[in-house]
N, C-alpha and C. Protein backbone atom coordinates (compact mmCIF):
# COMPACT_ATOMS: atom_id res chain seq x y z
N MET A 1 1.74 -222.64 -40.62
CA MET A 1 1.21 -221.62 -41.53
C MET A 1 1.98 -221.61 -42.86
N GLU A 2 3.32 -221.69 -42.74
CA GLU A 2 4.16 -221.70 -43.94
C GLU A 2 3.85 -222.92 -44.81
N LEU A 3 3.60 -224.05 -44.15
CA LEU A 3 3.27 -225.29 -44.86
C LEU A 3 1.96 -225.14 -45.62
N LEU A 4 0.97 -224.51 -44.99
CA LEU A 4 -0.33 -224.29 -45.65
C LEU A 4 -0.19 -223.39 -46.86
N ILE A 5 0.62 -222.35 -46.75
CA ILE A 5 0.84 -221.43 -47.88
C ILE A 5 1.49 -222.17 -49.04
N GLU A 6 2.49 -222.99 -48.72
CA GLU A 6 3.19 -223.74 -49.77
C GLU A 6 2.24 -224.71 -50.47
N TYR A 7 1.45 -225.42 -49.69
CA TYR A 7 0.47 -226.35 -50.26
C TYR A 7 -0.59 -225.59 -51.07
N GLY A 8 -0.98 -224.43 -50.57
CA GLY A 8 -1.97 -223.61 -51.28
C GLY A 8 -1.48 -223.16 -52.65
N TRP A 9 -0.21 -222.72 -52.71
CA TRP A 9 0.36 -222.28 -53.99
C TRP A 9 0.44 -223.44 -54.98
N VAL A 10 0.88 -224.59 -54.50
CA VAL A 10 0.97 -225.76 -55.40
C VAL A 10 -0.41 -226.16 -55.88
N LEU A 11 -1.41 -226.08 -55.00
CA LEU A 11 -2.78 -226.41 -55.42
C LEU A 11 -3.27 -225.45 -56.49
N ILE A 12 -2.98 -224.16 -56.35
CA ILE A 12 -3.38 -223.17 -57.36
C ILE A 12 -2.70 -223.46 -58.70
N VAL A 13 -1.40 -223.75 -58.66
CA VAL A 13 -0.67 -224.08 -59.89
C VAL A 13 -1.24 -225.35 -60.50
N LEU A 14 -1.55 -226.33 -59.65
CA LEU A 14 -2.09 -227.60 -60.11
C LEU A 14 -3.46 -227.43 -60.75
N ILE A 15 -4.29 -226.56 -60.19
CA ILE A 15 -5.60 -226.29 -60.78
C ILE A 15 -5.44 -225.67 -62.16
N GLY A 16 -4.48 -224.74 -62.30
CA GLY A 16 -4.20 -224.16 -63.61
C GLY A 16 -3.73 -225.20 -64.61
N LEU A 17 -2.81 -226.06 -64.18
CA LEU A 17 -2.30 -227.13 -65.05
C LEU A 17 -3.41 -228.09 -65.44
N GLU A 18 -4.22 -228.49 -64.45
CA GLU A 18 -5.33 -229.40 -64.73
C GLU A 18 -6.35 -228.75 -65.66
N GLY A 19 -6.53 -227.44 -65.52
CA GLY A 19 -7.44 -226.73 -66.42
C GLY A 19 -6.98 -226.79 -67.86
N ILE A 20 -5.66 -226.61 -68.07
CA ILE A 20 -5.11 -226.69 -69.43
C ILE A 20 -5.25 -228.10 -69.98
N LEU A 21 -4.87 -229.10 -69.16
CA LEU A 21 -5.00 -230.50 -69.59
C LEU A 21 -6.46 -230.87 -69.82
N ALA A 22 -7.36 -230.37 -68.97
CA ALA A 22 -8.78 -230.69 -69.10
C ALA A 22 -9.35 -230.11 -70.39
N ALA A 23 -8.93 -228.91 -70.77
CA ALA A 23 -9.41 -228.32 -72.03
C ALA A 23 -8.97 -229.16 -73.22
N ASP A 24 -7.72 -229.60 -73.19
CA ASP A 24 -7.17 -230.46 -74.23
C ASP A 24 -7.95 -231.78 -74.29
N ASN A 25 -8.18 -232.39 -73.12
CA ASN A 25 -8.92 -233.65 -73.04
C ASN A 25 -10.35 -233.47 -73.53
N ALA A 26 -10.98 -232.37 -73.12
CA ALA A 26 -12.37 -232.12 -73.50
C ALA A 26 -12.51 -231.97 -75.01
N LEU A 27 -11.53 -231.35 -75.64
CA LEU A 27 -11.57 -231.18 -77.10
C LEU A 27 -11.53 -232.53 -77.80
N VAL A 28 -10.68 -233.43 -77.32
CA VAL A 28 -10.60 -234.77 -77.92
C VAL A 28 -11.90 -235.54 -77.69
N LEU A 29 -12.47 -235.46 -76.49
CA LEU A 29 -13.74 -236.14 -76.21
C LEU A 29 -14.85 -235.58 -77.09
N ALA A 30 -14.86 -234.27 -77.28
CA ALA A 30 -15.88 -233.65 -78.14
C ALA A 30 -15.77 -234.17 -79.57
N ILE A 31 -14.55 -234.35 -80.06
CA ILE A 31 -14.34 -234.88 -81.41
C ILE A 31 -14.85 -236.31 -81.49
N MET A 32 -14.61 -237.09 -80.45
CA MET A 32 -15.02 -238.50 -80.46
C MET A 32 -16.53 -238.68 -80.49
N VAL A 33 -17.27 -237.75 -79.89
CA VAL A 33 -18.73 -237.92 -79.80
C VAL A 33 -19.51 -237.06 -80.79
N LYS A 34 -18.84 -236.23 -81.58
CA LYS A 34 -19.55 -235.25 -82.41
C LYS A 34 -20.45 -235.87 -83.47
N HIS A 35 -20.17 -237.12 -83.92
CA HIS A 35 -20.98 -237.75 -84.96
C HIS A 35 -22.30 -238.32 -84.42
N LEU A 36 -22.45 -238.39 -83.10
CA LEU A 36 -23.66 -238.95 -82.50
C LEU A 36 -24.80 -237.94 -82.53
N PRO A 37 -26.04 -238.43 -82.53
CA PRO A 37 -27.18 -237.51 -82.37
C PRO A 37 -27.08 -236.78 -81.03
N ASP A 38 -27.74 -235.65 -80.93
CA ASP A 38 -27.59 -234.76 -79.77
C ASP A 38 -27.83 -235.47 -78.44
N ASP A 39 -28.92 -236.25 -78.32
CA ASP A 39 -29.23 -236.91 -77.05
C ASP A 39 -28.17 -237.96 -76.69
N GLN A 40 -27.72 -238.73 -77.70
CA GLN A 40 -26.68 -239.73 -77.46
C GLN A 40 -25.33 -239.08 -77.15
N ARG A 41 -25.07 -237.94 -77.77
CA ARG A 41 -23.82 -237.21 -77.52
C ARG A 41 -23.74 -236.81 -76.05
N LYS A 42 -24.85 -236.29 -75.52
CA LYS A 42 -24.87 -235.89 -74.11
C LYS A 42 -24.66 -237.09 -73.19
N LYS A 43 -25.30 -238.22 -73.53
CA LYS A 43 -25.12 -239.43 -72.72
C LYS A 43 -23.68 -239.92 -72.78
N ALA A 44 -23.09 -239.92 -73.98
CA ALA A 44 -21.71 -240.39 -74.13
C ALA A 44 -20.76 -239.51 -73.32
N LEU A 45 -20.98 -238.19 -73.34
CA LEU A 45 -20.14 -237.29 -72.55
C LEU A 45 -20.34 -237.53 -71.05
N PHE A 46 -21.59 -237.81 -70.66
CA PHE A 46 -21.86 -238.10 -69.25
C PHE A 46 -21.14 -239.37 -68.81
N TYR A 47 -21.27 -240.44 -69.63
CA TYR A 47 -20.58 -241.69 -69.31
C TYR A 47 -19.07 -241.48 -69.31
N GLY A 48 -18.60 -240.67 -70.25
CA GLY A 48 -17.17 -240.37 -70.31
C GLY A 48 -16.70 -239.67 -69.06
N LEU A 49 -17.49 -238.71 -68.58
CA LEU A 49 -17.12 -237.99 -67.36
C LEU A 49 -17.15 -238.90 -66.14
N ALA A 50 -18.20 -239.76 -66.06
CA ALA A 50 -18.29 -240.70 -64.94
C ALA A 50 -17.09 -241.64 -64.95
N GLY A 51 -16.75 -242.13 -66.14
CA GLY A 51 -15.58 -243.00 -66.27
C GLY A 51 -14.30 -242.27 -65.90
N ALA A 52 -14.23 -241.00 -66.28
CA ALA A 52 -13.03 -240.21 -65.97
C ALA A 52 -12.86 -240.06 -64.46
N PHE A 53 -13.96 -239.85 -63.72
CA PHE A 53 -13.87 -239.75 -62.27
C PHE A 53 -13.31 -241.05 -61.68
N VAL A 54 -13.89 -242.18 -62.10
CA VAL A 54 -13.47 -243.48 -61.58
C VAL A 54 -12.01 -243.76 -61.96
N LEU A 55 -11.67 -243.52 -63.23
CA LEU A 55 -10.32 -243.82 -63.71
C LEU A 55 -9.27 -242.92 -63.06
N ARG A 56 -9.59 -241.65 -62.85
CA ARG A 56 -8.61 -240.75 -62.21
C ARG A 56 -8.41 -241.12 -60.76
N PHE A 57 -9.51 -241.46 -60.10
CA PHE A 57 -9.39 -241.86 -58.70
C PHE A 57 -8.58 -243.15 -58.60
N GLY A 58 -8.88 -244.12 -59.47
CA GLY A 58 -8.12 -245.37 -59.48
C GLY A 58 -6.67 -245.15 -59.86
N SER A 59 -6.45 -244.30 -60.88
CA SER A 59 -5.08 -244.00 -61.32
C SER A 59 -4.27 -243.35 -60.20
N LEU A 60 -4.93 -242.49 -59.44
CA LEU A 60 -4.23 -241.82 -58.34
C LEU A 60 -3.72 -242.84 -57.32
N PHE A 61 -4.56 -243.81 -56.98
CA PHE A 61 -4.13 -244.83 -56.02
C PHE A 61 -3.01 -245.69 -56.59
N VAL A 62 -3.16 -246.11 -57.85
CA VAL A 62 -2.14 -246.96 -58.47
C VAL A 62 -0.82 -246.19 -58.61
N ILE A 63 -0.91 -244.96 -59.12
CA ILE A 63 0.30 -244.16 -59.36
C ILE A 63 0.98 -243.77 -58.05
N SER A 64 0.19 -243.62 -56.99
CA SER A 64 0.82 -243.30 -55.70
C SER A 64 1.76 -244.42 -55.25
N PHE A 65 1.52 -245.64 -55.75
CA PHE A 65 2.41 -246.75 -55.45
C PHE A 65 3.51 -246.90 -56.50
N LEU A 66 3.30 -246.31 -57.69
CA LEU A 66 4.24 -246.48 -58.80
C LEU A 66 4.89 -245.16 -59.22
N VAL A 67 5.08 -244.26 -58.28
CA VAL A 67 5.59 -242.93 -58.59
C VAL A 67 6.92 -242.99 -59.36
N ASP A 68 7.75 -243.95 -59.04
CA ASP A 68 9.09 -244.01 -59.63
C ASP A 68 9.18 -244.83 -60.91
N VAL A 69 8.06 -245.37 -61.41
CA VAL A 69 8.09 -246.22 -62.60
C VAL A 69 7.75 -245.38 -63.83
N TRP A 70 8.76 -245.03 -64.63
CA TRP A 70 8.56 -244.13 -65.78
C TRP A 70 7.76 -244.81 -66.89
N GLN A 71 7.74 -246.13 -66.95
CA GLN A 71 7.03 -246.83 -68.02
C GLN A 71 5.53 -246.54 -68.00
N VAL A 72 4.98 -246.27 -66.82
CA VAL A 72 3.55 -245.96 -66.72
C VAL A 72 3.23 -244.71 -67.53
N GLN A 73 4.05 -243.68 -67.38
CA GLN A 73 3.85 -242.44 -68.13
C GLN A 73 4.08 -242.67 -69.62
N ALA A 74 5.07 -243.49 -69.96
CA ALA A 74 5.38 -243.76 -71.37
C ALA A 74 4.21 -244.44 -72.08
N ILE A 75 3.54 -245.37 -71.41
CA ILE A 75 2.40 -246.06 -72.01
C ILE A 75 1.26 -245.08 -72.28
N GLY A 76 0.95 -244.23 -71.31
CA GLY A 76 -0.10 -243.22 -71.51
C GLY A 76 0.23 -242.27 -72.65
N ALA A 77 1.47 -241.81 -72.70
CA ALA A 77 1.90 -240.89 -73.76
C ALA A 77 1.85 -241.57 -75.12
N ALA A 78 2.24 -242.86 -75.18
CA ALA A 78 2.21 -243.60 -76.45
C ALA A 78 0.79 -243.74 -76.97
N TYR A 79 -0.16 -243.98 -76.07
CA TYR A 79 -1.55 -244.11 -76.50
C TYR A 79 -2.08 -242.79 -77.06
N LEU A 80 -1.79 -241.69 -76.39
CA LEU A 80 -2.23 -240.38 -76.88
C LEU A 80 -1.61 -240.07 -78.24
N LEU A 81 -0.34 -240.42 -78.41
CA LEU A 81 0.33 -240.23 -79.70
C LEU A 81 -0.32 -241.09 -80.78
N PHE A 82 -0.66 -242.33 -80.43
CA PHE A 82 -1.30 -243.24 -81.38
C PHE A 82 -2.64 -242.69 -81.86
N ILE A 83 -3.52 -242.25 -80.93
CA ILE A 83 -4.83 -241.76 -81.38
C ILE A 83 -4.68 -240.48 -82.19
N SER A 84 -3.68 -239.67 -81.86
CA SER A 84 -3.43 -238.45 -82.62
C SER A 84 -3.01 -238.76 -84.05
N ILE A 85 -2.02 -239.64 -84.21
CA ILE A 85 -1.52 -239.99 -85.55
C ILE A 85 -2.60 -240.70 -86.35
N LYS A 86 -3.33 -241.62 -85.72
CA LYS A 86 -4.38 -242.36 -86.43
C LYS A 86 -5.46 -241.40 -86.95
N HIS A 87 -5.86 -240.46 -86.11
CA HIS A 87 -6.90 -239.52 -86.53
C HIS A 87 -6.40 -238.65 -87.69
N LEU A 88 -5.18 -238.13 -87.58
CA LEU A 88 -4.64 -237.30 -88.65
C LEU A 88 -4.51 -238.09 -89.95
N TYR A 89 -4.05 -239.34 -89.87
CA TYR A 89 -3.93 -240.18 -91.05
C TYR A 89 -5.31 -240.39 -91.70
N ASP A 90 -6.30 -240.75 -90.88
CA ASP A 90 -7.66 -240.97 -91.41
C ASP A 90 -8.22 -239.71 -92.05
N THR A 91 -7.99 -238.56 -91.42
CA THR A 91 -8.50 -237.29 -91.94
C THR A 91 -7.90 -236.97 -93.30
N PHE A 92 -6.58 -237.06 -93.42
CA PHE A 92 -5.93 -236.73 -94.69
C PHE A 92 -6.22 -237.78 -95.77
N LYS A 93 -6.40 -239.03 -95.37
CA LYS A 93 -6.74 -240.09 -96.32
C LYS A 93 -8.12 -239.80 -96.93
N LYS A 94 -9.05 -239.39 -96.10
CA LYS A 94 -10.39 -239.07 -96.60
C LYS A 94 -10.37 -237.85 -97.52
N LYS A 95 -9.52 -236.87 -97.18
CA LYS A 95 -9.42 -235.68 -98.05
C LYS A 95 -8.86 -236.06 -99.42
N ARG A 96 -7.85 -236.96 -99.42
CA ARG A 96 -7.27 -237.42 -100.69
C ARG A 96 -8.32 -238.13 -101.53
N GLU A 97 -9.21 -238.84 -100.89
CA GLU A 97 -10.26 -239.57 -101.61
C GLU A 97 -11.47 -238.68 -101.88
N ALA A 98 -11.35 -237.38 -101.54
CA ALA A 98 -12.40 -236.39 -101.77
C ALA A 98 -13.71 -236.76 -101.07
N LYS A 99 -13.59 -237.30 -99.86
CA LYS A 99 -14.78 -237.62 -99.07
C LYS A 99 -14.87 -236.63 -97.92
N ASN A 100 -16.07 -236.26 -97.61
CA ASN A 100 -16.29 -235.38 -96.47
C ASN A 100 -16.55 -236.27 -95.25
N ALA A 101 -15.68 -236.18 -94.23
CA ALA A 101 -15.78 -237.06 -93.07
C ALA A 101 -17.11 -236.91 -92.33
N LEU A 102 -17.69 -235.72 -92.36
CA LEU A 102 -18.95 -235.51 -91.65
C LEU A 102 -20.13 -236.16 -92.36
N GLU A 103 -20.00 -236.41 -93.67
CA GLU A 103 -21.12 -236.97 -94.42
C GLU A 103 -20.87 -238.41 -94.83
N ASP A 104 -19.84 -239.04 -94.33
CA ASP A 104 -19.51 -240.41 -94.70
C ASP A 104 -20.41 -241.37 -93.91
N PRO A 105 -21.38 -242.02 -94.56
CA PRO A 105 -22.30 -242.88 -93.82
C PRO A 105 -21.62 -244.09 -93.18
N LYS A 106 -20.57 -244.60 -93.79
CA LYS A 106 -19.86 -245.75 -93.22
C LYS A 106 -19.28 -245.40 -91.86
N GLU A 107 -18.73 -244.19 -91.74
CA GLU A 107 -18.14 -243.79 -90.47
C GLU A 107 -19.22 -243.71 -89.39
N LYS A 108 -20.39 -243.17 -89.75
CA LYS A 108 -21.45 -243.04 -88.77
C LYS A 108 -21.95 -244.40 -88.33
N GLN A 109 -22.08 -245.37 -89.27
CA GLN A 109 -22.54 -246.69 -88.93
C GLN A 109 -21.48 -247.43 -88.11
N GLY A 110 -20.22 -247.22 -88.43
CA GLY A 110 -19.14 -247.92 -87.76
C GLY A 110 -18.91 -247.46 -86.33
N SER A 111 -19.32 -246.26 -86.00
CA SER A 111 -19.11 -245.73 -84.65
C SER A 111 -20.43 -245.66 -83.92
N SER A 112 -20.88 -246.81 -83.42
CA SER A 112 -22.13 -246.87 -82.69
C SER A 112 -21.97 -246.14 -81.35
N PHE A 113 -23.08 -245.97 -80.67
CA PHE A 113 -23.07 -245.27 -79.38
C PHE A 113 -22.13 -245.96 -78.40
N TRP A 114 -22.30 -247.26 -78.22
CA TRP A 114 -21.49 -247.96 -77.22
C TRP A 114 -20.03 -248.05 -77.62
N MET A 115 -19.76 -248.19 -78.93
CA MET A 115 -18.36 -248.21 -79.38
C MET A 115 -17.71 -246.85 -79.10
N THR A 116 -18.49 -245.78 -79.30
CA THR A 116 -17.98 -244.44 -79.00
C THR A 116 -17.69 -244.31 -77.51
N VAL A 117 -18.59 -244.82 -76.66
CA VAL A 117 -18.37 -244.77 -75.21
C VAL A 117 -17.10 -245.52 -74.83
N VAL A 118 -16.88 -246.70 -75.45
CA VAL A 118 -15.66 -247.48 -75.18
C VAL A 118 -14.42 -246.69 -75.57
N LYS A 119 -14.46 -246.04 -76.76
CA LYS A 119 -13.32 -245.22 -77.20
C LYS A 119 -13.07 -244.07 -76.23
N VAL A 120 -14.15 -243.44 -75.78
CA VAL A 120 -14.03 -242.33 -74.83
C VAL A 120 -13.38 -242.81 -73.54
N GLU A 121 -13.78 -244.01 -73.06
CA GLU A 121 -13.20 -244.53 -71.82
C GLU A 121 -11.71 -244.84 -71.97
N PHE A 122 -11.30 -245.37 -73.13
CA PHE A 122 -9.87 -245.61 -73.36
C PHE A 122 -9.10 -244.29 -73.36
N ALA A 123 -9.68 -243.27 -74.00
CA ALA A 123 -9.04 -241.95 -73.99
C ALA A 123 -8.98 -241.41 -72.57
N ASP A 124 -10.08 -241.61 -71.80
CA ASP A 124 -10.10 -241.18 -70.40
C ASP A 124 -8.98 -241.82 -69.60
N LEU A 125 -8.73 -243.10 -69.86
CA LEU A 125 -7.68 -243.80 -69.13
C LEU A 125 -6.31 -243.16 -69.40
N ALA A 126 -6.04 -242.90 -70.68
CA ALA A 126 -4.76 -242.27 -71.04
C ALA A 126 -4.66 -240.87 -70.43
N PHE A 127 -5.76 -240.10 -70.51
CA PHE A 127 -5.75 -238.75 -69.94
C PHE A 127 -5.61 -238.79 -68.42
N ALA A 128 -6.25 -239.79 -67.78
CA ALA A 128 -6.17 -239.89 -66.32
C ALA A 128 -4.74 -240.13 -65.88
N VAL A 129 -4.07 -241.07 -66.54
CA VAL A 129 -2.68 -241.36 -66.19
C VAL A 129 -1.80 -240.13 -66.42
N ASP A 130 -1.99 -239.48 -67.58
CA ASP A 130 -1.22 -238.29 -67.93
C ASP A 130 -1.43 -237.18 -66.89
N SER A 131 -2.69 -236.93 -66.56
CA SER A 131 -3.03 -235.86 -65.64
C SER A 131 -2.50 -236.13 -64.23
N ILE A 132 -2.71 -237.36 -63.74
CA ILE A 132 -2.26 -237.69 -62.39
C ILE A 132 -0.74 -237.67 -62.29
N LEU A 133 -0.06 -238.15 -63.33
CA LEU A 133 1.41 -238.12 -63.31
C LEU A 133 1.93 -236.69 -63.28
N ALA A 134 1.29 -235.79 -64.04
CA ALA A 134 1.69 -234.38 -64.02
C ALA A 134 1.48 -233.79 -62.63
N ALA A 135 0.35 -234.15 -62.01
CA ALA A 135 0.04 -233.63 -60.68
C ALA A 135 1.01 -234.18 -59.63
N VAL A 136 1.31 -235.48 -59.73
CA VAL A 136 2.23 -236.09 -58.77
C VAL A 136 3.62 -235.47 -58.89
N ALA A 137 4.04 -235.17 -60.12
CA ALA A 137 5.35 -234.55 -60.32
C ALA A 137 5.45 -233.22 -59.58
N LEU A 138 4.35 -232.47 -59.52
CA LEU A 138 4.33 -231.21 -58.76
C LEU A 138 4.27 -231.47 -57.25
N ALA A 139 3.43 -232.43 -56.86
CA ALA A 139 3.17 -232.65 -55.43
C ALA A 139 4.34 -233.25 -54.68
N VAL A 140 5.15 -234.08 -55.34
CA VAL A 140 6.26 -234.73 -54.62
C VAL A 140 7.31 -233.73 -54.13
N ALA A 141 7.30 -232.54 -54.69
CA ALA A 141 8.25 -231.50 -54.25
C ALA A 141 7.81 -230.85 -52.94
N LEU A 142 6.55 -231.08 -52.53
CA LEU A 142 6.05 -230.48 -51.29
C LEU A 142 6.66 -231.18 -50.07
N PRO A 143 6.83 -230.43 -48.97
CA PRO A 143 7.34 -231.06 -47.75
C PRO A 143 6.31 -232.00 -47.13
N ALA A 144 6.78 -232.99 -46.40
CA ALA A 144 5.88 -233.96 -45.75
C ALA A 144 5.07 -233.27 -44.66
N THR A 145 3.83 -233.71 -44.48
CA THR A 145 2.95 -233.13 -43.47
C THR A 145 3.02 -233.88 -42.14
N GLY A 146 3.55 -235.10 -42.18
CA GLY A 146 3.58 -235.91 -40.97
C GLY A 146 2.27 -236.61 -40.69
N LEU A 147 1.36 -236.64 -41.67
CA LEU A 147 0.05 -237.28 -41.51
C LEU A 147 0.05 -238.73 -42.00
N GLY A 148 1.22 -239.28 -42.25
CA GLY A 148 1.30 -240.64 -42.78
C GLY A 148 1.45 -240.63 -44.29
N THR A 149 1.42 -241.81 -44.87
CA THR A 149 1.58 -241.92 -46.32
C THR A 149 0.47 -242.76 -46.93
N ILE A 150 0.23 -242.51 -48.21
CA ILE A 150 -0.65 -243.34 -49.03
C ILE A 150 0.21 -243.77 -50.21
N GLY A 151 0.58 -245.04 -50.24
CA GLY A 151 1.53 -245.50 -51.24
C GLY A 151 2.88 -244.86 -50.97
N SER A 152 3.45 -244.26 -52.00
CA SER A 152 4.74 -243.57 -51.85
C SER A 152 4.56 -242.08 -51.59
N LEU A 153 3.31 -241.61 -51.53
CA LEU A 153 3.04 -240.18 -51.33
C LEU A 153 2.66 -239.89 -49.89
N ASP A 154 3.09 -238.72 -49.41
CA ASP A 154 2.62 -238.20 -48.14
C ASP A 154 1.12 -237.93 -48.26
N THR A 155 0.37 -238.09 -47.19
CA THR A 155 -1.09 -237.89 -47.24
C THR A 155 -1.44 -236.49 -47.74
N GLY A 156 -0.70 -235.47 -47.31
CA GLY A 156 -0.95 -234.11 -47.79
C GLY A 156 -0.73 -233.99 -49.28
N GLN A 157 0.34 -234.58 -49.79
CA GLN A 157 0.61 -234.58 -51.23
C GLN A 157 -0.51 -235.30 -51.99
N PHE A 158 -0.94 -236.44 -51.45
CA PHE A 158 -2.02 -237.21 -52.06
C PHE A 158 -3.29 -236.38 -52.17
N LEU A 159 -3.64 -235.68 -51.09
CA LEU A 159 -4.87 -234.87 -51.07
C LEU A 159 -4.79 -233.70 -52.05
N VAL A 160 -3.61 -233.10 -52.21
CA VAL A 160 -3.44 -232.01 -53.18
C VAL A 160 -3.66 -232.54 -54.60
N VAL A 161 -3.08 -233.71 -54.90
CA VAL A 161 -3.26 -234.31 -56.23
C VAL A 161 -4.72 -234.66 -56.46
N LEU A 162 -5.38 -235.22 -55.45
CA LEU A 162 -6.80 -235.58 -55.56
C LEU A 162 -7.66 -234.35 -55.82
N ALA A 163 -7.44 -233.28 -55.06
CA ALA A 163 -8.22 -232.05 -55.24
C ALA A 163 -8.00 -231.46 -56.62
N GLY A 164 -6.75 -231.38 -57.06
CA GLY A 164 -6.45 -230.84 -58.39
C GLY A 164 -7.10 -231.67 -59.49
N GLY A 165 -7.04 -233.00 -59.37
CA GLY A 165 -7.64 -233.88 -60.38
C GLY A 165 -9.14 -233.74 -60.47
N MET A 166 -9.82 -233.65 -59.33
CA MET A 166 -11.27 -233.52 -59.34
C MET A 166 -11.71 -232.16 -59.91
N ILE A 167 -10.98 -231.11 -59.58
CA ILE A 167 -11.30 -229.79 -60.13
C ILE A 167 -11.08 -229.80 -61.64
N GLY A 168 -10.02 -230.47 -62.10
CA GLY A 168 -9.77 -230.61 -63.53
C GLY A 168 -10.92 -231.30 -64.25
N LEU A 169 -11.50 -232.32 -63.62
CA LEU A 169 -12.64 -233.03 -64.23
C LEU A 169 -13.87 -232.13 -64.36
N ILE A 170 -14.08 -231.31 -63.36
CA ILE A 170 -15.23 -230.39 -63.42
C ILE A 170 -15.03 -229.41 -64.58
N ILE A 171 -13.81 -228.90 -64.73
CA ILE A 171 -13.50 -228.01 -65.86
C ILE A 171 -13.73 -228.74 -67.17
N MET A 172 -13.27 -230.02 -67.25
CA MET A 172 -13.40 -230.81 -68.48
C MET A 172 -14.86 -230.99 -68.85
N ARG A 173 -15.72 -231.20 -67.88
CA ARG A 173 -17.15 -231.42 -68.15
C ARG A 173 -17.76 -230.23 -68.87
N PHE A 174 -17.48 -229.03 -68.38
CA PHE A 174 -18.06 -227.84 -69.01
C PHE A 174 -17.37 -227.51 -70.33
N ALA A 175 -16.06 -227.73 -70.40
CA ALA A 175 -15.32 -227.44 -71.63
C ALA A 175 -15.75 -228.35 -72.77
N ALA A 176 -16.08 -229.62 -72.47
CA ALA A 176 -16.47 -230.57 -73.53
C ALA A 176 -17.71 -230.08 -74.26
N ASN A 177 -18.70 -229.57 -73.54
CA ASN A 177 -19.91 -229.07 -74.19
C ASN A 177 -19.62 -227.87 -75.08
N VAL A 178 -18.74 -226.99 -74.62
CA VAL A 178 -18.36 -225.82 -75.41
C VAL A 178 -17.66 -226.26 -76.69
N PHE A 179 -16.74 -227.25 -76.58
CA PHE A 179 -15.98 -227.70 -77.75
C PHE A 179 -16.86 -228.43 -78.76
N VAL A 180 -17.89 -229.16 -78.31
CA VAL A 180 -18.80 -229.82 -79.26
C VAL A 180 -19.44 -228.77 -80.16
N LYS A 181 -19.88 -227.66 -79.57
CA LYS A 181 -20.48 -226.58 -80.36
C LYS A 181 -19.46 -225.95 -81.31
N LEU A 182 -18.24 -225.72 -80.80
CA LEU A 182 -17.19 -225.13 -81.63
C LEU A 182 -16.84 -226.01 -82.83
N LEU A 183 -16.80 -227.32 -82.63
CA LEU A 183 -16.44 -228.25 -83.71
C LEU A 183 -17.44 -228.22 -84.84
N HIS A 184 -18.70 -227.99 -84.52
CA HIS A 184 -19.71 -227.89 -85.57
C HIS A 184 -19.55 -226.59 -86.35
N ASP A 185 -19.12 -225.53 -85.67
CA ASP A 185 -18.93 -224.24 -86.33
C ASP A 185 -17.59 -224.16 -87.07
N ARG A 186 -16.55 -224.79 -86.51
CA ARG A 186 -15.20 -224.73 -87.09
C ARG A 186 -14.58 -226.12 -87.16
N PRO A 187 -14.87 -226.88 -88.23
CA PRO A 187 -14.35 -228.25 -88.35
C PRO A 187 -12.83 -228.34 -88.39
N GLY A 188 -12.13 -227.30 -88.83
CA GLY A 188 -10.67 -227.31 -88.88
C GLY A 188 -10.03 -227.43 -87.51
N LEU A 189 -10.77 -227.09 -86.47
CA LEU A 189 -10.27 -227.18 -85.11
C LEU A 189 -9.93 -228.63 -84.73
N GLU A 190 -10.62 -229.58 -85.36
CA GLU A 190 -10.41 -231.00 -85.07
C GLU A 190 -8.98 -231.43 -85.37
N VAL A 191 -8.47 -231.05 -86.54
CA VAL A 191 -7.09 -231.41 -86.93
C VAL A 191 -6.10 -230.75 -85.98
N ALA A 192 -6.32 -229.49 -85.66
CA ALA A 192 -5.43 -228.77 -84.75
C ALA A 192 -5.39 -229.44 -83.38
N ALA A 193 -6.54 -229.92 -82.92
CA ALA A 193 -6.61 -230.57 -81.61
C ALA A 193 -5.73 -231.81 -81.55
N PHE A 194 -5.79 -232.63 -82.60
CA PHE A 194 -5.00 -233.86 -82.58
C PHE A 194 -3.51 -233.59 -82.78
N VAL A 195 -3.17 -232.51 -83.46
CA VAL A 195 -1.75 -232.12 -83.55
C VAL A 195 -1.24 -231.74 -82.16
N ILE A 196 -2.05 -230.98 -81.40
CA ILE A 196 -1.67 -230.58 -80.04
C ILE A 196 -1.53 -231.79 -79.14
N VAL A 197 -2.48 -232.74 -79.21
CA VAL A 197 -2.43 -233.94 -78.36
C VAL A 197 -1.18 -234.75 -78.66
N GLY A 198 -0.86 -234.91 -79.95
CA GLY A 198 0.33 -235.67 -80.33
C GLY A 198 1.62 -235.01 -79.91
N TRP A 199 1.60 -233.68 -79.86
CA TRP A 199 2.79 -232.93 -79.50
C TRP A 199 3.04 -233.07 -78.03
């Protein structure tokens, strides 16, 4: 009973953490697809979510074997920092040139539907690694269940991370649609989002 309570509390904390990370991830995905027409935007978000499920599930299995390798987390963090800095640089460069990023036809032509989907999938990969590593960091503190291991994780720890990750994806799916609408109403939110991601 005590073991179930401990696992339950960690799962609740993990769902909260995944919710925060999912909102952050959803905001970035919304920014990436906002230039697409409405029907393509919905498809790109759907493909992004499908990719996120596959990548998080795959990342969980890989990371369960690489729990002690800090370089995995460093690569994911470096990619998120790169997209944050690149976006901020591009935004301020366009402002200096007195161009409105939303009305720049070159940007719209350069970011085709499939190129946008590819960018979303790369972001999903970085977010998946980041999210799963955060979840594993919480789960490894849990006591062993005696149900065997998956990689370097106890089966109970693995299942807690899996449940938290999947719930985070569901939150991300709904949050992404909300953020797409917000970005059209408040374009300044885009810069703030990338500052948060880089931080």
